[in-house]
């Protein structure tokens, strides 16, 4: 099972990224868990310097912007 971490303080941009991640997993038919991370010390442990950020299976993939559903689905393939 893939794990997607959405890093951010819970702002509207972070929530949009979470929604996009969930939609991407559904459209790609990938079994995954989407986890929100809002604590700054946890965000820094992933190496993110800007939010919102996306971590797929432990790898920081996108930061500082909202990834599209298509971009996230491609990361899950």
PDB file of N, CA and C in Angstrom:
ATOM      1  N   UNK A   1       0.839  -1.184   0.000  1.00  0.00           N
ATOM      2  CA  UNK A   1       0.000   0.000   0.000  1.00  0.00           C
ATOM      3  C   UNK A   1       0.880   1.242   0.000  1.00  0.00           C
ATOM      4  N   UNK A   2       0.571   2.159  -0.893  1.00  0.00           N
ATOM      5  CA  UNK A   2       1.279   3.434  -0.939  1.00  0.00           C
ATOM      6  C   UNK A   2       0.801   4.318   0.201  1.00  0.00           C
ATOM      7  N   UNK A   3       1.693   5.168   0.683  1.00  0.00           N
ATOM      8  CA  UNK A   3       1.329   6.160   1.687  1.00  0.00           C
ATOM      9  C   UNK A   3       1.680   7.526   1.127  1.00  0.00           C
ATOM     10  N   UNK A   4       0.703   8.410   1.129  1.00  0.00           N
ATOM     11  CA  UNK A   4       0.898   9.794   0.688  1.00  0.00           C
ATOM     12  C   UNK A   4       0.752  10.683   1.911  1.00  0.00           C
ATOM     13  N   UNK A   5       1.775  11.486   2.160  1.00  0.00           N
ATOM     14  CA  UNK A   5       1.707  12.479   3.227  1.00  0.00           C
ATOM     15  C   UNK A   5       1.493  13.844   2.592  1.00  0.00           C
ATOM     16  N   UNK A   6       0.495  14.557   3.065  1.00  0.00           N
ATOM     17  CA  UNK A   6       0.253  15.931   2.641  1.00  0.00           C
ATOM     18  C   UNK A   6       0.743  16.820   3.777  1.00  0.00           C
ATOM     19  N   UNK A   7       1.769  17.597   3.489  1.00  0.00           N
ATOM     20  CA  UNK A   7       2.391  18.429   4.510  1.00  0.00           C
ATOM     21  C   UNK A   7       1.872  19.853   4.420  1.00  0.00           C
ATOM     22  N   UNK A   8       1.391  20.376   5.537  1.00  0.00           N
ATOM     23  CA  UNK A   8       0.897  21.744   5.574  1.00  0.00           C
ATOM     24  C   UNK A   8       0.080  21.997   6.822  1.00  0.00           C
ATOM     25  N   UNK A   9      -0.233  23.250   7.031  1.00  0.00           N
ATOM     26  CA  UNK A   9      -0.911  23.674   8.260  1.00  0.00           C
ATOM     27  C   UNK A   9      -2.426  23.531   8.215  1.00  0.00           C
ATOM     28  N   UNK A  10      -2.956  22.985   7.139  1.00  0.00           N
ATOM     29  CA  UNK A  10      -4.403  22.828   7.033  1.00  0.00           C
ATOM     30  C   UNK A  10      -5.080  23.989   6.332  1.00  0.00           C
ATOM     31  N   UNK A  11      -4.306  24.789   5.613  1.00  0.00           N
ATOM     32  CA  UNK A  11      -4.858  25.908   4.860  1.00  0.00           C
ATOM     33  C   UNK A  11      -5.657  25.382   3.657  1.00  0.00           C
ATOM     34  N   UNK A  12      -6.407  26.228   2.994  1.00  0.00           N
ATOM     35  CA  UNK A  12      -7.180  25.773   1.825  1.00  0.00           C
ATOM     36  C   UNK A  12      -6.314  25.129   0.742  1.00  0.00           C
ATOM     37  N   UNK A  13      -5.088  25.616   0.543  1.00  0.00           N
ATOM     38  CA  UNK A  13      -4.200  25.016  -0.465  1.00  0.00           C
ATOM     39  C   UNK A  13      -3.807  23.586  -0.058  1.00  0.00           C
ATOM     40  N   UNK A  14      -3.559  23.394   1.214  1.00  0.00           N
ATOM     41  CA  UNK A  14      -3.201  22.062   1.714  1.00  0.00           C
ATOM     42  C   UNK A  14      -4.382  21.105   1.574  1.00  0.00           C
ATOM     43  N   UNK A  15      -5.564  21.590   1.885  1.00  0.00           N
ATOM     44  CA  UNK A  15      -6.757  20.757   1.753  1.00  0.00           C
ATOM     45  C   UNK A  15      -7.019  20.396   0.298  1.00  0.00           C
ATOM     46  N   UNK A  16      -6.754  21.327  -0.627  1.00  0.00           N
ATOM     47  CA  UNK A  16      -6.916  21.040  -2.050  1.00  0.00           C
ATOM     48  C   UNK A  16      -5.926  19.963  -2.487  1.00  0.00           C
ATOM     49  N   UNK A  17      -4.694  20.046  -1.997  1.00  0.00           N
ATOM     50  CA  UNK A  17      -3.697  19.031  -2.325  1.00  0.00           C
ATOM     51  C   UNK A  17      -4.127  17.667  -1.798  1.00  0.00           C
ATOM     52  N   UNK A  18      -4.679  17.634  -0.598  1.00  0.00           N
ATOM     53  CA  UNK A  18      -5.170  16.366  -0.037  1.00  0.00           C
ATOM     54  C   UNK A  18      -6.291  15.807  -0.909  1.00  0.00           C
ATOM     55  N   UNK A  19      -7.229  16.651  -1.297  1.00  0.00           N
ATOM     56  CA  UNK A  19      -8.332  16.204  -2.154  1.00  0.00           C
ATOM     57  C   UNK A  19      -7.810  15.687  -3.491  1.00  0.00           C
ATOM     58  N   UNK A  20      -6.823  16.388  -4.060  1.00  0.00           N
ATOM     59  CA  UNK A  20      -6.237  15.942  -5.324  1.00  0.00           C
ATOM     60  C   UNK A  20      -5.542  14.596  -5.163  1.00  0.00           C
ATOM     61  N   UNK A  21      -4.867  14.402  -4.041  1.00  0.00           N
ATOM     62  CA  UNK A  21      -4.179  13.132  -3.795  1.00  0.00           C
ATOM     63  C   UNK A  21      -5.182  11.982  -3.692  1.00  0.00           C
ATOM     64  N   UNK A  22      -6.274  12.215  -2.989  1.00  0.00           N
ATOM     65  CA  UNK A  22      -7.299  11.177  -2.864  1.00  0.00           C
ATOM     66  C   UNK A  22      -7.935  10.869  -4.221  1.00  0.00           C
ATOM     67  N   UNK A  23      -8.203  11.896  -5.004  1.00  0.00           N
ATOM     68  CA  UNK A  23      -8.787  11.697  -6.329  1.00  0.00           C
ATOM     69  C   UNK A  23      -7.804  10.973  -7.248  1.00  0.00           C
ATOM     70  N   UNK A  24      -6.520  11.291  -7.135  1.00  0.00           N
ATOM     71  CA  UNK A  24      -5.504  10.640  -7.969  1.00  0.00           C
ATOM     72  C   UNK A  24      -5.411   9.157  -7.653  1.00  0.00           C
ATOM     73  N   UNK A  25      -5.439   8.818  -6.381  1.00  0.00           N
ATOM     74  CA  UNK A  25      -5.369   7.410  -5.988  1.00  0.00           C
ATOM     75  C   UNK A  25      -6.581   6.654  -6.517  1.00  0.00           C
ATOM     76  N   UNK A  26      -7.740   7.273  -6.409  1.00  0.00           N
ATOM     77  CA  UNK A  26      -8.964   6.628  -6.896  1.00  0.00           C
ATOM     78  C   UNK A  26      -8.926   6.464  -8.411  1.00  0.00           C
ATOM     79  N   UNK A  27      -8.501   7.489  -9.133  1.00  0.00           N
ATOM     80  CA  UNK A  27      -8.495   7.407 -10.592  1.00  0.00           C
ATOM     81  C   UNK A  27      -7.433   6.439 -11.099  1.00  0.00           C
ATOM     82  N   UNK A  28      -6.328   6.298 -10.354  1.00  0.00           N
ATOM     83  CA  UNK A  28      -5.263   5.380 -10.762  1.00  0.00           C
ATOM     84  C   UNK A  28      -5.536   3.958 -10.288  1.00  0.00           C
ATOM     85  N   UNK A  29      -6.569   3.795  -9.461  1.00  0.00           N
ATOM     86  CA  UNK A  29      -6.886   2.477  -8.938  1.00  0.00           C
ATOM     87  C   UNK A  29      -5.816   1.950  -7.993  1.00  0.00           C
ATOM     88  N   UNK A  30      -5.175   2.875  -7.275  1.00  0.00           N
ATOM     89  CA  UNK A  30      -4.086   2.517  -6.370  1.00  0.00           C
ATOM     90  C   UNK A  30      -4.603   2.518  -4.934  1.00  0.00           C
ATOM     91  N   UNK A  31      -4.289   1.443  -4.220  1.00  0.00           N
ATOM     92  CA  UNK A  31      -4.651   1.361  -2.813  1.00  0.00           C
ATOM     93  C   UNK A  31      -3.643   2.176  -2.027  1.00  0.00           C
ATOM     94  N   UNK A  32      -4.080   3.274  -1.433  1.00  0.00           N
ATOM     95  CA  UNK A  32      -3.142   4.098  -0.680  1.00  0.00           C
ATOM     96  C   UNK A  32      -3.840   4.772   0.484  1.00  0.00           C
ATOM     97  N   UNK A  33      -3.006   5.232   1.389  1.00  0.00           N
ATOM     98  CA  UNK A  33      -3.474   5.949   2.556  1.00  0.00           C
ATOM     99  C   UNK A  33      -2.975   7.382   2.433  1.00  0.00           C
ATOM    100  N   UNK A  34      -3.853   8.355   2.632  1.00  0.00           N
ATOM    101  CA  UNK A  34      -3.473   9.769   2.582  1.00  0.00           C
ATOM    102  C   UNK A  34      -3.460  10.291   4.019  1.00  0.00           C
ATOM    103  N   UNK A  35      -2.300  10.778   4.437  1.00  0.00           N
ATOM    104  CA  UNK A  35      -2.099  11.230   5.809  1.00  0.00           C
ATOM    105  C   UNK A  35      -1.767  12.713   5.800  1.00  0.00           C
ATOM    106  N   UNK A  36      -2.459  13.482   6.626  1.00  0.00           N
ATOM    107  CA  UNK A  36      -2.153  14.900   6.776  1.00  0.00           C
ATOM    108  C   UNK A  36      -1.103  15.083   7.861  1.00  0.00           C
ATOM    109  N   UNK A  37      -0.096  15.894   7.583  1.00  0.00           N
ATOM    110  CA  UNK A  37       0.939  16.208   8.565  1.00  0.00           C
ATOM    111  C   UNK A  37       0.949  17.722   8.733  1.00  0.00           C
ATOM    112  N   UNK A  38       0.613  18.197   9.928  1.00  0.00           N
ATOM    113  CA  UNK A  38       0.514  19.638  10.142  1.00  0.00           C
ATOM    114  C   UNK A  38       1.501  20.172  11.172  1.00  0.00           C
ATOM    115  N   UNK A  39       2.155  19.299  11.898  1.00  0.00           N
ATOM    116  CA  UNK A  39       3.122  19.743  12.899  1.00  0.00           C
ATOM    117  C   UNK A  39       4.431  20.121  12.212  1.00  0.00           C
ATOM    118  N   UNK A  40       4.934  21.324  12.513  1.00  0.00           N
ATOM    119  CA  UNK A  40       6.108  21.847  11.817  1.00  0.00           C
ATOM    120  C   UNK A  40       7.326  20.944  11.978  1.00  0.00           C
ATOM    121  N   UNK A  41       7.518  20.352  13.161  1.00  0.00           N
ATOM    122  CA  UNK A  41       8.689  19.492  13.348  1.00  0.00           C
ATOM    123  C   UNK A  41       8.602  18.241  12.482  1.00  0.00           C
ATOM    124  N   UNK A  42       7.393  17.716  12.294  1.00  0.00           N
ATOM    125  CA  UNK A  42       7.210  16.554  11.417  1.00  0.00           C
ATOM    126  C   UNK A  42       7.415  16.947   9.953  1.00  0.00           C
ATOM    127  N   UNK A  43       6.927  18.119   9.565  1.00  0.00           N
ATOM    128  CA  UNK A  43       7.099  18.603   8.193  1.00  0.00           C
ATOM    129  C   UNK A  43       8.586  18.742   7.881  1.00  0.00           C
ATOM    130  N   UNK A  44       9.337  19.296   8.811  1.00  0.00           N
ATOM    131  CA  UNK A  44      10.774  19.489   8.604  1.00  0.00           C
ATOM    132  C   UNK A  44      11.519  18.158   8.512  1.00  0.00           C
ATOM    133  N   UNK A  45      11.034  17.126   9.194  1.00  0.00           N
ATOM    134  CA  UNK A  45      11.669  15.811   9.127  1.00  0.00           C
ATOM    135  C   UNK A  45      11.623  15.236   7.715  1.00  0.00           C
ATOM    136  N   UNK A  46      10.620  15.631   6.934  1.00  0.00           N
ATOM    137  CA  UNK A  46      10.527  15.182   5.548  1.00  0.00           C
ATOM    138  C   UNK A  46      11.424  16.010   4.625  1.00  0.00           C
ATOM    139  N   UNK A  47      11.993  17.102   5.136  1.00  0.00           N
ATOM    140  CA  UNK A  47      12.868  17.941   4.334  1.00  0.00           C
ATOM    141  C   UNK A  47      12.144  19.029   3.558  1.00  0.00           C
ATOM    142  N   UNK A  48      10.870  19.223   3.838  1.00  0.00           N
ATOM    143  CA  UNK A  48      10.092  20.238   3.121  1.00  0.00           C
ATOM    144  C   UNK A  48      10.413  21.621   3.663  1.00  0.00           C
ATOM    145  N   UNK A  49      10.654  22.549   2.749  1.00  0.00           N
ATOM    146  CA  UNK A  49      10.922  23.933   3.129  1.00  0.00           C
ATOM    147  C   UNK A  49       9.744  24.841   2.790  1.00  0.00           C
ATOM    148  N   UNK A  50       8.819  24.332   1.970  1.00  0.00           N
ATOM    149  CA  UNK A  50       7.635  25.096   1.574  1.00  0.00           C
ATOM    150  C   UNK A  50       6.430  24.169   1.628  1.00  0.00           C
ATOM    151  N   UNK A  51       5.286  24.738   1.968  1.00  0.00           N
ATOM    152  CA  UNK A  51       4.044  23.961   1.942  1.00  0.00           C
ATOM    153  C   UNK A  51       3.073  24.645   0.998  1.00  0.00           C
ATOM    154  N   UNK A  52       2.100  23.942   0.477  1.00  0.00           N
ATOM    155  CA  UNK A  52       1.872  22.519   0.717  1.00  0.00           C
ATOM    156  C   UNK A  52       2.948  21.679   0.044  1.00  0.00           C
ATOM    157  N   UNK A  53       3.142  20.485   0.589  1.00  0.00           N
ATOM    158  CA  UNK A  53       4.117  19.564   0.020  1.00  0.00           C
ATOM    159  C   UNK A  53       3.517  18.170  -0.001  1.00  0.00           C
ATOM    160  N   UNK A  54       4.065  17.357  -0.889  1.00  0.00           N
ATOM    161  CA  UNK A  54       3.556  15.999  -1.081  1.00  0.00           C
ATOM    162  C   UNK A  54       4.707  15.010  -0.949  1.00  0.00           C
ATOM    163  N   UNK A  55       4.495  14.010  -0.110  1.00  0.00           N
ATOM    164  CA  UNK A  55       5.481  12.947   0.082  1.00  0.00           C
ATOM    165  C   UNK A  55       4.809  11.642  -0.323  1.00  0.00           C
ATOM    166  N   UNK A  56       5.416  10.932  -1.272  1.00  0.00           N
ATOM    167  CA  UNK A  56       4.871   9.652  -1.732  1.00  0.00           C
ATOM    168  C   UNK A  56       5.854   8.559  -1.343  1.00  0.00           C
ATOM    169  N   UNK A  57       5.372   7.624  -0.523  1.00  0.00           N
ATOM    170  CA  UNK A  57       6.201   6.514  -0.048  1.00  0.00           C
ATOM    171  C   UNK A  57       7.534   6.983   0.524  1.00  0.00           C
ATOM    172  N   UNK A  58       7.472   8.044   1.344  1.00  0.00           N
ATOM    173  CA  UNK A  58       8.647   8.530   2.040  1.00  0.00           C
ATOM    174  C   UNK A  58       9.532   9.478   1.256  1.00  0.00           C
ATOM    175  N   UNK A  59       9.196   9.753  -0.002  1.00  0.00           N
ATOM    176  CA  UNK A  59      10.026  10.625  -0.839  1.00  0.00           C
ATOM    177  C   UNK A  59       9.301  11.953  -1.082  1.00  0.00           C
ATOM    178  N   UNK A  60       9.958  13.051  -0.742  1.00  0.00           N
ATOM    179  CA  UNK A  60       9.410  14.383  -1.007  1.00  0.00           C
ATOM    180  C   UNK A  60       9.381  14.593  -2.512  1.00  0.00           C
ATOM    181  N   UNK A  61       8.195  14.757  -3.064  1.00  0.00           N
ATOM    182  CA  UNK A  61       8.054  14.833  -4.515  1.00  0.00           C
ATOM    183  C   UNK A  61       7.700  16.226  -5.019  1.00  0.00           C
ATOM    184  N   UNK A  62       6.860  16.937  -4.301  1.00  0.00           N
ATOM    185  CA  UNK A  62       6.390  18.256  -4.740  1.00  0.00           C
ATOM    186  C   UNK A  62       6.276  19.134  -3.507  1.00  0.00           C
ATOM    187  N   UNK A  63       6.719  20.381  -3.644  1.00  0.00           N
ATOM    188  CA  UNK A  63       6.544  21.317  -2.530  1.00  0.00           C
ATOM    189  C   UNK A  63       6.303  22.727  -3.045  1.00  0.00           C
ATOM    190  N   UNK A  64       5.535  23.483  -2.266  1.00  0.00           N
ATOM    191  CA  UNK A  64       5.288  24.878  -2.585  1.00  0.00           C
ATOM    192  C   UNK A  64       4.185  25.129  -3.591  1.00  0.00           C
ATOM    193  N   UNK A  65       3.481  24.080  -4.000  1.00  0.00           N
ATOM    194  CA  UNK A  65       2.387  24.270  -4.957  1.00  0.00           C
ATOM    195  C   UNK A  65       1.395  23.112  -4.827  1.00  0.00           C
ATOM    196  N   UNK A  66       0.258  23.306  -5.462  1.00  0.00           N
ATOM    197  CA  UNK A  66      -0.780  22.273  -5.466  1.00  0.00           C
ATOM    198  C   UNK A  66      -0.588  21.418  -6.710  1.00  0.00           C
ATOM    199  N   UNK A  67      -0.241  20.175  -6.521  1.00  0.00           N
ATOM    200  CA  UNK A  67      -0.083  19.255  -7.645  1.00  0.00           C
ATOM    201  C   UNK A  67      -1.458  18.877  -8.187  1.00  0.00           C
ATOM    202  N   UNK A  68      -1.517  18.676  -9.496  1.00  0.00           N
ATOM    203  CA  UNK A  68      -2.788  18.280 -10.112  1.00  0.00           C
ATOM    204  C   UNK A  68      -3.041  16.802  -9.850  1.00  0.00           C
ATOM    205  N   UNK A  69      -4.279  16.400 -10.064  1.00  0.00           N
ATOM    206  CA  UNK A  69      -4.654  14.997  -9.923  1.00  0.00           C
ATOM    207  C   UNK A  69      -3.803  14.144 -10.869  1.00  0.00           C
ATOM    208  N   UNK A  70      -3.597  14.628 -12.081  1.00  0.00           N
ATOM    209  CA  UNK A  70      -2.831  13.872 -13.083  1.00  0.00           C
ATOM    210  C   UNK A  70      -1.383  13.719 -12.668  1.00  0.00           C
ATOM    211  N   UNK A  71      -0.773  14.778 -12.109  1.00  0.00           N
ATOM    212  CA  UNK A  71       0.623  14.700 -11.661  1.00  0.00           C
ATOM    213  C   UNK A  71       0.775  13.664 -10.540  1.00  0.00           C
ATOM    214  N   UNK A  72      -0.150  13.690  -9.610  1.00  0.00           N
ATOM    215  CA  UNK A  72      -0.074  12.771  -8.477  1.00  0.00           C
ATOM    216  C   UNK A  72      -0.307  11.337  -8.945  1.00  0.00           C
ATOM    217  N   UNK A  73      -1.258  11.140  -9.852  1.00  0.00           N
ATOM    218  CA  UNK A  73      -1.525   9.797 -10.377  1.00  0.00           C
ATOM    219  C   UNK A  73      -0.274   9.240 -11.060  1.00  0.00           C
ATOM    220  N   UNK A  74       0.460  10.081 -11.768  1.00  0.00           N
ATOM    221  CA  UNK A  74       1.686   9.637 -12.440  1.00  0.00           C
ATOM    222  C   UNK A  74       2.737   9.217 -11.408  1.00  0.00           C
ATOM    223  N   UNK A  75       2.791   9.901 -10.276  1.00  0.00           N
ATOM    224  CA  UNK A  75       3.743   9.534  -9.220  1.00  0.00           C
ATOM    225  C   UNK A  75       3.402   8.188  -8.586  1.00  0.00           C
ATOM    226  N   UNK A  76       2.129   7.839  -8.623  1.00  0.00           N
ATOM    227  CA  UNK A  76       1.688   6.580  -8.008  1.00  0.00           C
ATOM    228  C   UNK A  76       1.871   5.372  -8.904  1.00  0.00           C
ATOM    229  N   UNK A  77       2.147   5.589 -10.172  1.00  0.00           N
ATOM    230  CA  UNK A  77       2.301   4.467 -11.113  1.00  0.00           C
ATOM    231  C   UNK A  77       3.598   3.744 -10.904  1.00  0.00           C
TER     232      UNK A  77
END
